[in-house]
Amino acid sequence: MRLPDSIYSPIVGLLLLIAASTLVWRVPDRGEADRANPQPGIPVVRAIVAGAAIGLVSGLTGVGGGLLLSPLLLLTGWAEIRQTAGVSVAFILVNAMVALSTNLASMGTLPAALPIWGVAAVVGGVVGTELGTRRLKGRTMRFILAAILALSGLKLIVP
């Protein structure tokens, strides 16, 4: 099932822009005091419903689930920026593997450029991990995520 571009692009684009602006203006930076007082556990039922909704929207629109998962984790307070980055990477990897296996099953082949994309993904992952774990502050990472969300949203809205 696939929604027409005229429906899903503006809706998902707007959602991404809202998430980006919320990350910039509403998510507080968590300091050392917050780490000393961990939050209560994540509500399992709400997390499952949210994950299913993200999977459905991602599947219908073709927008990567990590772009939708990251703001959810940050805005609900279920994870800090570094935890969000790690969870999103795993989520994106699983989604990519499912997409590739679905493509292989339906088309009988994988894209010819897959090895190049794989190398680029590994290099990007190594650089991103270095920056995220050792060099960038949480606030800077949050603003980078907001910029990526905003650009993705604008790409969907503005042809």
C-alpha atoms as a PDB file:
ATOM      1  CA  MET A   1       0.000   0.000   0.000  1.00  0.00           C
ATOM      2  CA  ARG A   2       1.358   3.396  -0.917  1.00  0.00           C
ATOM      3  CA  LEU A   3      -0.143   6.824  -0.337  1.00  0.00           C
ATOM      4  CA  PRO A   4      -0.109   9.267  -3.246  1.00  0.00           C
ATOM      5  CA  ASP A   5       2.758  11.789  -3.127  1.00  0.00           C
ATOM      6  CA  SER A   6       0.258  14.654  -3.051  1.00  0.00           C
ATOM      7  CA  ILE A   7      -1.031  13.409   0.311  1.00  0.00           C
ATOM      8  CA  TYR A   8       1.910  12.033   2.215  1.00  0.00           C
ATOM      9  CA  SER A   9       4.665  14.453   1.231  1.00  0.00           C
ATOM     10  CA  PRO A  10       3.095  17.585   2.728  1.00  0.00           C
ATOM     11  CA  ILE A  11       1.880  15.760   5.837  1.00  0.00           C
ATOM     12  CA  VAL A  12       5.170  14.051   6.641  1.00  0.00           C
ATOM     13  CA  GLY A  13       7.119  17.181   5.674  1.00  0.00           C
ATOM     14  CA  LEU A  14       5.059  19.232   8.109  1.00  0.00           C
ATOM     15  CA  LEU A  15       5.525  16.630  10.859  1.00  0.00           C
ATOM     16  CA  LEU A  16       9.289  16.719  10.341  1.00  0.00           C
ATOM     17  CA  LEU A  17       9.328  20.536  10.459  1.00  0.00           C
ATOM     18  CA  ILE A  18       7.292  20.488  13.675  1.00  0.00           C
ATOM     19  CA  ALA A  19       9.669  17.940  15.196  1.00  0.00           C
ATOM     20  CA  ALA A  20      12.685  20.039  14.150  1.00  0.00           C
ATOM     21  CA  SER A  21      11.301  23.234  15.634  1.00  0.00           C
ATOM     22  CA  THR A  22      10.306  21.450  18.826  1.00  0.00           C
ATOM     23  CA  LEU A  23      13.818  20.048  19.208  1.00  0.00           C
ATOM     24  CA  VAL A  24      15.283  23.533  18.868  1.00  0.00           C
ATOM     25  CA  TRP A  25      12.905  25.382  21.172  1.00  0.00           C
ATOM     26  CA  ARG A  26      11.423  22.925  23.654  1.00  0.00           C
ATOM     27  CA  VAL A  27      13.758  20.048  24.527  1.00  0.00           C
ATOM     28  CA  PRO A  28      15.863  21.013  27.542  1.00  0.00           C
ATOM     29  CA  ASP A  29      19.482  19.990  27.750  1.00  0.00           C
ATOM     30  CA  ARG A  30      19.881  17.300  30.376  1.00  0.00           C
ATOM     31  CA  GLY A  31      22.748  18.010  32.716  1.00  0.00           C
ATOM     32  CA  GLU A  32      24.614  15.938  35.255  1.00  0.00           C
ATOM     33  CA  ALA A  33      21.866  16.445  37.849  1.00  0.00           C
ATOM     34  CA  ASP A  34      19.342  14.771  35.548  1.00  0.00           C
ATOM     35  CA  ARG A  35      21.671  11.820  34.993  1.00  0.00           C
ATOM     36  CA  ALA A  36      21.918  11.352  38.764  1.00  0.00           C
ATOM     37  CA  ASN A  37      18.083  11.131  38.915  1.00  0.00           C
ATOM     38  CA  PRO A  38      17.129   8.714  36.146  1.00  0.00           C
ATOM     39  CA  GLN A  39      13.604   8.896  34.786  1.00  0.00           C
ATOM     40  CA  PRO A  40      11.070   6.174  35.394  1.00  0.00           C
ATOM     41  CA  GLY A  41      10.927   3.334  32.875  1.00  0.00           C
ATOM     42  CA  ILE A  42       9.532   3.758  29.402  1.00  0.00           C
ATOM     43  CA  PRO A  43       5.822   2.890  29.237  1.00  0.00           C
ATOM     44  CA  VAL A  44       5.900  -0.341  27.223  1.00  0.00           C
ATOM     45  CA  VAL A  45       2.422  -0.149  25.684  1.00  0.00           C
ATOM     46  CA  ARG A  46       2.896   3.461  24.549  1.00  0.00           C
ATOM     47  CA  ALA A  47       6.343   2.604  23.164  1.00  0.00           C
ATOM     48  CA  ILE A  48       4.949  -0.347  21.191  1.00  0.00           C
ATOM     49  CA  VAL A  49       2.081   1.739  19.801  1.00  0.00           C
ATOM     50  CA  ALA A  50       4.478   4.556  18.892  1.00  0.00           C
ATOM     51  CA  GLY A  51       6.899   2.105  17.246  1.00  0.00           C
ATOM     52  CA  ALA A  52       4.092   0.515  15.236  1.00  0.00           C
ATOM     53  CA  ALA A  53       2.853   3.947  14.132  1.00  0.00           C
ATOM     54  CA  ILE A  54       6.375   4.969  13.093  1.00  0.00           C
ATOM     55  CA  GLY A  55       6.785   1.723  11.164  1.00  0.00           C
ATOM     56  CA  LEU A  56       3.456   2.239   9.395  1.00  0.00           C
ATOM     57  CA  VAL A  57       4.167   5.864   8.494  1.00  0.00           C
ATOM     58  CA  SER A  58       7.692   4.985   7.408  1.00  0.00           C
ATOM     59  CA  GLY A  59       6.453   2.133   5.244  1.00  0.00           C
ATOM     60  CA  LEU A  60       3.678   4.202   3.670  1.00  0.00           C
ATOM     61  CA  THR A  61       5.814   7.243   2.971  1.00  0.00           C
ATOM     62  CA  GLY A  62       9.277   5.876   2.350  1.00  0.00           C
ATOM     63  CA  VAL A  63      10.665   8.289   4.951  1.00  0.00           C
ATOM     64  CA  GLY A  64      13.241   6.552   7.112  1.00  0.00           C
ATOM     65  CA  GLY A  65      11.910   5.537  10.507  1.00  0.00           C
ATOM     66  CA  GLY A  66      14.966   6.962  12.258  1.00  0.00           C
ATOM     67  CA  LEU A  67      13.861  10.446  11.259  1.00  0.00           C
ATOM     68  CA  LEU A  68      10.609   9.854  13.099  1.00  0.00           C
ATOM     69  CA  LEU A  69      11.998   7.809  15.999  1.00  0.00           C
ATOM     70  CA  SER A  70      14.671  10.313  17.072  1.00  0.00           C
ATOM     71  CA  PRO A  71      12.308  13.210  17.811  1.00  0.00           C
ATOM     72  CA  LEU A  72       9.931  10.856  19.620  1.00  0.00           C
ATOM     73  CA  LEU A  73      12.674   9.611  21.944  1.00  0.00           C
ATOM     74  CA  LEU A  74      13.896  13.121  22.691  1.00  0.00           C
ATOM     75  CA  LEU A  75      10.521  14.826  23.024  1.00  0.00           C
ATOM     76  CA  THR A  76       9.100  12.157  25.337  1.00  0.00           C
ATOM     77  CA  GLY A  77      12.273  12.161  27.431  1.00  0.00           C
ATOM     78  CA  TRP A  78      12.722   8.436  26.837  1.00  0.00           C
ATOM     79  CA  ALA A  79      16.375   8.933  25.862  1.00  0.00           C
ATOM     80  CA  GLU A  80      19.171  11.503  25.779  1.00  0.00           C
ATOM     81  CA  ILE A  81      20.661  12.653  22.483  1.00  0.00           C
ATOM     82  CA  ARG A  82      23.551  10.159  22.539  1.00  0.00           C
ATOM     83  CA  GLN A  83      21.251   7.267  23.425  1.00  0.00           C
ATOM     84  CA  THR A  84      18.867   8.417  20.703  1.00  0.00           C
ATOM     85  CA  ALA A  85      21.666   8.405  18.155  1.00  0.00           C
ATOM     86  CA  GLY A  86      22.626   4.847  19.068  1.00  0.00           C
ATOM     87  CA  VAL A  87      19.058   3.537  19.047  1.00  0.00           C
ATOM     88  CA  SER A  88      18.306   5.290  15.752  1.00  0.00           C
ATOM     89  CA  VAL A  89      21.337   3.739  14.081  1.00  0.00           C
ATOM     90  CA  ALA A  90      20.193   0.253  15.078  1.00  0.00           C
ATOM     91  CA  PHE A  91      16.622   1.043  13.989  1.00  0.00           C
ATOM     92  CA  ILE A  92      17.804   2.364  10.622  1.00  0.00           C
ATOM     93  CA  LEU A  93      20.044  -0.679  10.090  1.00  0.00           C
ATOM     94  CA  VAL A  94      17.158  -3.089  10.699  1.00  0.00           C
ATOM     95  CA  ASN A  95      14.854  -1.062   8.421  1.00  0.00           C
ATOM     96  CA  ALA A  96      17.494  -0.996   5.680  1.00  0.00           C
ATOM     97  CA  MET A  97      17.984  -4.753   5.920  1.00  0.00           C
ATOM     98  CA  VAL A  98      14.226  -5.316   5.666  1.00  0.00           C
ATOM     99  CA  ALA A  99      13.990  -2.941   2.689  1.00  0.00           C
ATOM    100  CA  LEU A 100      16.872  -4.670   0.906  1.00  0.00           C
ATOM    101  CA  SER A 101      15.439  -8.133   1.525  1.00  0.00           C
ATOM    102  CA  THR A 102      12.017  -6.979   0.310  1.00  0.00           C
ATOM    103  CA  ASN A 103      13.644  -5.475  -2.775  1.00  0.00           C
ATOM    104  CA  LEU A 104      15.541  -8.707  -3.398  1.00  0.00           C
ATOM    105  CA  ALA A 105      12.375 -10.787  -2.988  1.00  0.00           C
ATOM    106  CA  SER A 106      10.261  -8.616  -5.286  1.00  0.00           C
ATOM    107  CA  MET A 107      12.849  -7.601  -7.904  1.00  0.00           C
ATOM    108  CA  GLY A 108      15.155 -10.600  -7.735  1.00  0.00           C
ATOM    109  CA  THR A 109      18.217  -8.371  -7.514  1.00  0.00           C
ATOM    110  CA  LEU A 110      19.878  -5.751  -5.359  1.00  0.00           C
ATOM    111  CA  PRO A 111      20.958  -2.295  -6.551  1.00  0.00           C
ATOM    112  CA  ALA A 112      24.305  -2.339  -8.360  1.00  0.00           C
ATOM    113  CA  ALA A 113      25.551   0.600  -6.278  1.00  0.00           C
ATOM    114  CA  LEU A 114      24.955  -1.270  -2.995  1.00  0.00           C
ATOM    115  CA  PRO A 115      28.679  -1.896  -2.275  1.00  0.00           C
ATOM    116  CA  ILE A 116      29.443   1.807  -2.738  1.00  0.00           C
ATOM    117  CA  TRP A 117      26.536   2.772  -0.485  1.00  0.00           C
ATOM    118  CA  GLY A 118      27.750   0.240   2.087  1.00  0.00           C
ATOM    119  CA  VAL A 119      31.246   1.731   2.180  1.00  0.00           C
ATOM    120  CA  ALA A 120      29.797   5.248   2.417  1.00  0.00           C
ATOM    121  CA  ALA A 121      27.529   4.152   5.281  1.00  0.00           C
ATOM    122  CA  VAL A 122      30.423   2.579   7.207  1.00  0.00           C
ATOM    123  CA  VAL A 123      32.652   5.660   6.731  1.00  0.00           C
ATOM    124  CA  GLY A 124      29.774   7.950   7.731  1.00  0.00           C
ATOM    125  CA  GLY A 125      29.046   5.767  10.743  1.00  0.00           C
ATOM    126  CA  VAL A 126      32.656   5.856  11.935  1.00  0.00           C
ATOM    127  CA  VAL A 127      32.904   9.637  11.507  1.00  0.00           C
ATOM    128  CA  GLY A 128      29.496  10.178  13.115  1.00  0.00           C
ATOM    129  CA  THR A 129      30.354   7.951  16.060  1.00  0.00           C
ATOM    130  CA  GLU A 130      33.614   9.790  16.656  1.00  0.00           C
ATOM    131  CA  LEU A 131      31.885  13.157  16.512  1.00  0.00           C
ATOM    132  CA  GLY A 132      28.912  12.054  18.601  1.00  0.00           C
ATOM    133  CA  THR A 133      30.789  10.282  21.362  1.00  0.00           C
ATOM    134  CA  ARG A 134      33.896  12.405  21.740  1.00  0.00           C
ATOM    135  CA  ARG A 135      33.707  15.772  20.076  1.00  0.00           C
ATOM    136  CA  LEU A 136      30.217  17.290  19.955  1.00  0.00           C
ATOM    137  CA  LYS A 137      28.137  18.434  22.899  1.00  0.00           C
ATOM    138  CA  GLY A 138      24.594  17.119  23.290  1.00  0.00           C
ATOM    139  CA  ARG A 139      23.117  20.492  22.409  1.00  0.00           C
ATOM    140  CA  THR A 140      25.111  20.664  19.156  1.00  0.00           C
ATOM    141  CA  MET A 141      23.991  17.142  18.247  1.00  0.00           C
ATOM    142  CA  ARG A 142      20.375  18.126  18.907  1.00  0.00           C
ATOM    143  CA  PHE A 143      20.685  21.141  16.599  1.00  0.00           C
ATOM    144  CA  ILE A 144      22.266  18.976  13.878  1.00  0.00           C
ATOM    145  CA  LEU A 145      19.368  16.532  14.182  1.00  0.00           C
ATOM    146  CA  ALA A 146      16.900  19.437  13.996  1.00  0.00           C
ATOM    147  CA  ALA A 147      18.620  20.712  10.834  1.00  0.00           C
ATOM    148  CA  ILE A 148      18.432  17.259   9.219  1.00  0.00           C
ATOM    149  CA  LEU A 149      14.747  16.983  10.125  1.00  0.00           C
ATOM    150  CA  ALA A 150      14.038  20.473   8.774  1.00  0.00           C
ATOM    151  CA  LEU A 151      15.851  19.801   5.498  1.00  0.00           C
ATOM    152  CA  SER A 152      14.045  16.485   5.103  1.00  0.00           C
ATOM    153  CA  GLY A 153      10.711  18.158   5.813  1.00  0.00           C
ATOM    154  CA  LEU A 154      11.367  20.966   3.340  1.00  0.00           C
ATOM    155  CA  LYS A 155      12.431  18.449   0.706  1.00  0.00           C
ATOM    156  CA  LEU A 156       9.049  16.764   1.032  1.00  0.00           C
ATOM    157  CA  ILE A 157       7.057  19.995   0.954  1.00  0.00           C
ATOM    158  CA  VAL A 158       8.940  22.067  -1.630  1.00  0.00           C
ATOM    159  CA  PRO A 159       9.261  20.286  -4.980  1.00  0.00           C
END
